[in-house]
Amino acid sequence: MATDLILTEVHRVKDAMAAKYGYDARRQVKSLQRSQKRSGGKSVDFSGEKLDYQPPAASPSVRRKSANV
């Protein structure tokens, strides 16, 4: 199997960032939020917001496999 160089780089950066914060996702997110705030970028906060997402209806031409096939 060929190695995907982009995925290899993404995994390397992800692992380095995780290690930097002791594999603590909360610490990593807090740091990224502080960095975003300093840069003047917009942060997204869904903590009190209820999302009203309705997935699109499947078209009649789409057939789903039955579990007992």
N, C-alpha and C. Protein backbone atom coordinates (compact mmCIF):
# COMPACT_ATOMS: atom_id res chain seq x y z
N MET A 1 0.83 -1.17 0.00
CA MET A 1 0.00 0.00 0.00
C MET A 1 0.88 1.24 0.00
N ALA A 2 0.56 2.20 -0.87
CA ALA A 2 1.34 3.42 -0.97
C ALA A 2 1.07 4.32 0.24
N THR A 3 2.11 5.03 0.66
CA THR A 3 1.97 5.96 1.78
C THR A 3 1.49 7.30 1.25
N ASP A 4 0.44 7.83 1.84
CA ASP A 4 -0.07 9.13 1.46
C ASP A 4 0.73 10.18 2.24
N LEU A 5 1.52 10.98 1.54
CA LEU A 5 2.40 11.94 2.20
C LEU A 5 1.64 13.01 2.97
N ILE A 6 0.50 13.42 2.47
CA ILE A 6 -0.29 14.44 3.15
C ILE A 6 -0.82 13.89 4.47
N LEU A 7 -1.39 12.69 4.43
CA LEU A 7 -1.90 12.09 5.67
C LEU A 7 -0.78 11.84 6.67
N THR A 8 0.38 11.44 6.18
CA THR A 8 1.52 11.23 7.06
C THR A 8 1.88 12.52 7.78
N GLU A 9 1.90 13.64 7.06
CA GLU A 9 2.21 14.93 7.65
C GLU A 9 1.13 15.35 8.64
N VAL A 10 -0.14 15.16 8.29
CA VAL A 10 -1.25 15.51 9.20
C VAL A 10 -1.12 14.72 10.50
N HIS A 11 -0.85 13.44 10.41
CA HIS A 11 -0.71 12.61 11.61
C HIS A 11 0.50 13.03 12.43
N ARG A 12 1.59 13.41 11.77
CA ARG A 12 2.79 13.85 12.48
C ARG A 12 2.50 15.11 13.28
N VAL A 13 1.84 16.09 12.66
CA VAL A 13 1.50 17.35 13.33
C VAL A 13 0.52 17.10 14.47
N LYS A 14 -0.50 16.27 14.22
CA LYS A 14 -1.49 15.93 15.26
C LYS A 14 -0.81 15.30 16.46
N ASP A 15 0.09 14.36 16.21
CA ASP A 15 0.77 13.69 17.31
C ASP A 15 1.68 14.64 18.08
N ALA A 16 2.35 15.55 17.38
CA ALA A 16 3.22 16.53 18.03
C ALA A 16 2.41 17.48 18.91
N MET A 17 1.27 17.93 18.39
CA MET A 17 0.40 18.83 19.17
C MET A 17 -0.15 18.11 20.40
N ALA A 18 -0.57 16.88 20.23
CA ALA A 18 -1.11 16.12 21.36
C ALA A 18 -0.04 15.93 22.44
N ALA A 19 1.16 15.61 22.03
CA ALA A 19 2.26 15.41 22.98
C ALA A 19 2.58 16.71 23.72
N LYS A 20 2.54 17.84 23.01
CA LYS A 20 2.84 19.15 23.61
C LYS A 20 1.92 19.44 24.79
N TYR A 21 0.68 18.98 24.71
CA TYR A 21 -0.31 19.25 25.76
C TYR A 21 -0.58 18.02 26.62
N GLY A 22 0.34 17.09 26.64
CA GLY A 22 0.21 15.92 27.50
C GLY A 22 -0.98 15.05 27.13
N TYR A 23 -1.34 15.05 25.86
CA TYR A 23 -2.48 14.26 25.34
C TYR A 23 -3.79 14.64 26.03
N ASP A 24 -3.88 15.90 26.47
CA ASP A 24 -5.07 16.42 27.12
C ASP A 24 -5.80 17.31 26.12
N ALA A 25 -6.91 16.82 25.58
CA ALA A 25 -7.64 17.54 24.54
C ALA A 25 -8.16 18.88 25.05
N ARG A 26 -8.58 18.93 26.30
CA ARG A 26 -9.10 20.20 26.85
C ARG A 26 -8.02 21.28 26.87
N ARG A 27 -6.81 20.90 27.29
CA ARG A 27 -5.70 21.86 27.31
C ARG A 27 -5.39 22.33 25.89
N GLN A 28 -5.42 21.41 24.95
CA GLN A 28 -5.12 21.75 23.56
C GLN A 28 -6.16 22.72 23.01
N VAL A 29 -7.43 22.46 23.26
CA VAL A 29 -8.51 23.33 22.78
C VAL A 29 -8.40 24.71 23.41
N LYS A 30 -8.16 24.75 24.73
CA LYS A 30 -8.01 26.05 25.42
C LYS A 30 -6.88 26.87 24.80
N SER A 31 -5.76 26.21 24.52
CA SER A 31 -4.63 26.91 23.93
C SER A 31 -4.97 27.43 22.53
N LEU A 32 -5.64 26.61 21.75
CA LEU A 32 -6.03 27.03 20.40
C LEU A 32 -7.03 28.19 20.46
N GLN A 33 -7.93 28.16 21.45
CA GLN A 33 -8.90 29.25 21.59
C GLN A 33 -8.19 30.54 21.99
N ARG A 34 -7.20 30.45 22.90
CA ARG A 34 -6.44 31.65 23.29
C ARG A 34 -5.70 32.21 22.08
N SER A 35 -5.09 31.34 21.32
CA SER A 35 -4.35 31.76 20.13
C SER A 35 -5.29 32.43 19.12
N GLN A 36 -6.46 31.86 18.95
CA GLN A 36 -7.43 32.41 18.02
C GLN A 36 -7.90 33.78 18.49
N LYS A 37 -8.10 33.92 19.80
CA LYS A 37 -8.56 35.19 20.36
C LYS A 37 -7.50 36.27 20.16
N ARG A 38 -6.22 35.91 20.39
CA ARG A 38 -5.12 36.87 20.21
C ARG A 38 -5.01 37.31 18.76
N SER A 39 -5.30 36.41 17.83
CA SER A 39 -5.15 36.73 16.41
C SER A 39 -6.31 37.58 15.88
N GLY A 40 -7.38 37.68 16.68
CA GLY A 40 -8.53 38.44 16.24
C GLY A 40 -9.50 37.63 15.40
N GLY A 41 -9.22 36.34 15.26
CA GLY A 41 -10.13 35.46 14.51
C GLY A 41 -11.39 35.19 15.29
N LYS A 42 -12.39 34.68 14.63
CA LYS A 42 -13.65 34.37 15.28
C LYS A 42 -13.63 32.96 15.85
N SER A 43 -14.04 32.84 17.09
CA SER A 43 -14.19 31.53 17.72
C SER A 43 -15.63 31.08 17.56
N VAL A 44 -15.82 29.82 17.44
CA VAL A 44 -17.16 29.25 17.36
C VAL A 44 -17.45 28.57 18.69
N ASP A 45 -18.58 28.89 19.28
CA ASP A 45 -18.95 28.31 20.56
C ASP A 45 -20.40 27.83 20.47
N PHE A 46 -20.56 26.53 20.47
CA PHE A 46 -21.89 25.93 20.39
C PHE A 46 -22.38 25.48 21.76
N SER A 47 -21.73 25.91 22.83
CA SER A 47 -22.02 25.37 24.16
C SER A 47 -23.46 25.60 24.61
N GLY A 48 -24.12 26.67 24.19
CA GLY A 48 -25.49 26.89 24.64
C GLY A 48 -26.47 26.91 23.50
N GLU A 49 -26.02 26.54 22.33
CA GLU A 49 -26.86 26.65 21.14
C GLU A 49 -27.37 25.28 20.71
N LYS A 50 -28.65 25.19 20.46
CA LYS A 50 -29.22 23.95 19.96
C LYS A 50 -29.25 24.03 18.44
N LEU A 51 -28.63 23.07 17.81
CA LEU A 51 -28.60 23.05 16.35
C LEU A 51 -29.85 22.37 15.82
N ASP A 52 -30.45 22.98 14.84
CA ASP A 52 -31.65 22.42 14.23
C ASP A 52 -31.29 21.96 12.82
N TYR A 53 -30.62 20.84 12.75
CA TYR A 53 -30.15 20.32 11.47
C TYR A 53 -31.09 19.23 10.98
N GLN A 54 -31.56 19.39 9.77
CA GLN A 54 -32.40 18.38 9.14
C GLN A 54 -31.62 17.82 7.95
N PRO A 55 -31.22 16.55 8.02
CA PRO A 55 -30.47 15.99 6.89
C PRO A 55 -31.36 15.93 5.65
N PRO A 56 -30.75 16.07 4.49
CA PRO A 56 -31.54 16.00 3.26
C PRO A 56 -32.16 14.63 3.09
N ALA A 57 -33.35 14.61 2.52
CA ALA A 57 -34.03 13.33 2.28
C ALA A 57 -33.29 12.57 1.19
N ALA A 58 -33.23 11.26 1.35
CA ALA A 58 -32.58 10.42 0.34
C ALA A 58 -33.43 10.39 -0.92
N SER A 59 -32.76 10.44 -2.04
CA SER A 59 -33.51 10.38 -3.29
C SER A 59 -34.07 8.98 -3.49
N PRO A 60 -35.17 8.84 -4.21
CA PRO A 60 -35.78 7.52 -4.42
C PRO A 60 -34.86 6.54 -5.14
N SER A 61 -33.88 7.07 -5.88
CA SER A 61 -33.00 6.18 -6.63
C SER A 61 -31.93 5.53 -5.74
N VAL A 62 -31.79 6.01 -4.51
CA VAL A 62 -30.79 5.45 -3.60
C VAL A 62 -31.39 4.27 -2.87
N ARG A 63 -30.76 3.12 -3.02
CA ARG A 63 -31.22 1.92 -2.33
C ARG A 63 -30.28 1.61 -1.19
N ARG A 64 -30.84 1.33 -0.06
CA ARG A 64 -30.01 0.96 1.09
C ARG A 64 -30.06 -0.55 1.24
N LYS A 65 -28.91 -1.08 1.65
CA LYS A 65 -28.83 -2.53 1.87
C LYS A 65 -29.61 -2.91 3.11
N SER A 66 -30.31 -3.99 3.01
CA SER A 66 -31.04 -4.51 4.17
C SER A 66 -30.07 -5.29 5.03
N ALA A 67 -30.30 -5.30 6.33
CA ALA A 67 -29.42 -6.01 7.25
C ALA A 67 -29.48 -7.51 7.06
N ASN A 68 -30.56 -8.02 6.51
CA ASN A 68 -30.68 -9.48 6.36
C ASN A 68 -30.51 -9.93 4.92
N VAL A 69 -29.63 -9.24 4.20
CA VAL A 69 -29.35 -9.64 2.80
C VAL A 69 -28.18 -10.58 2.77
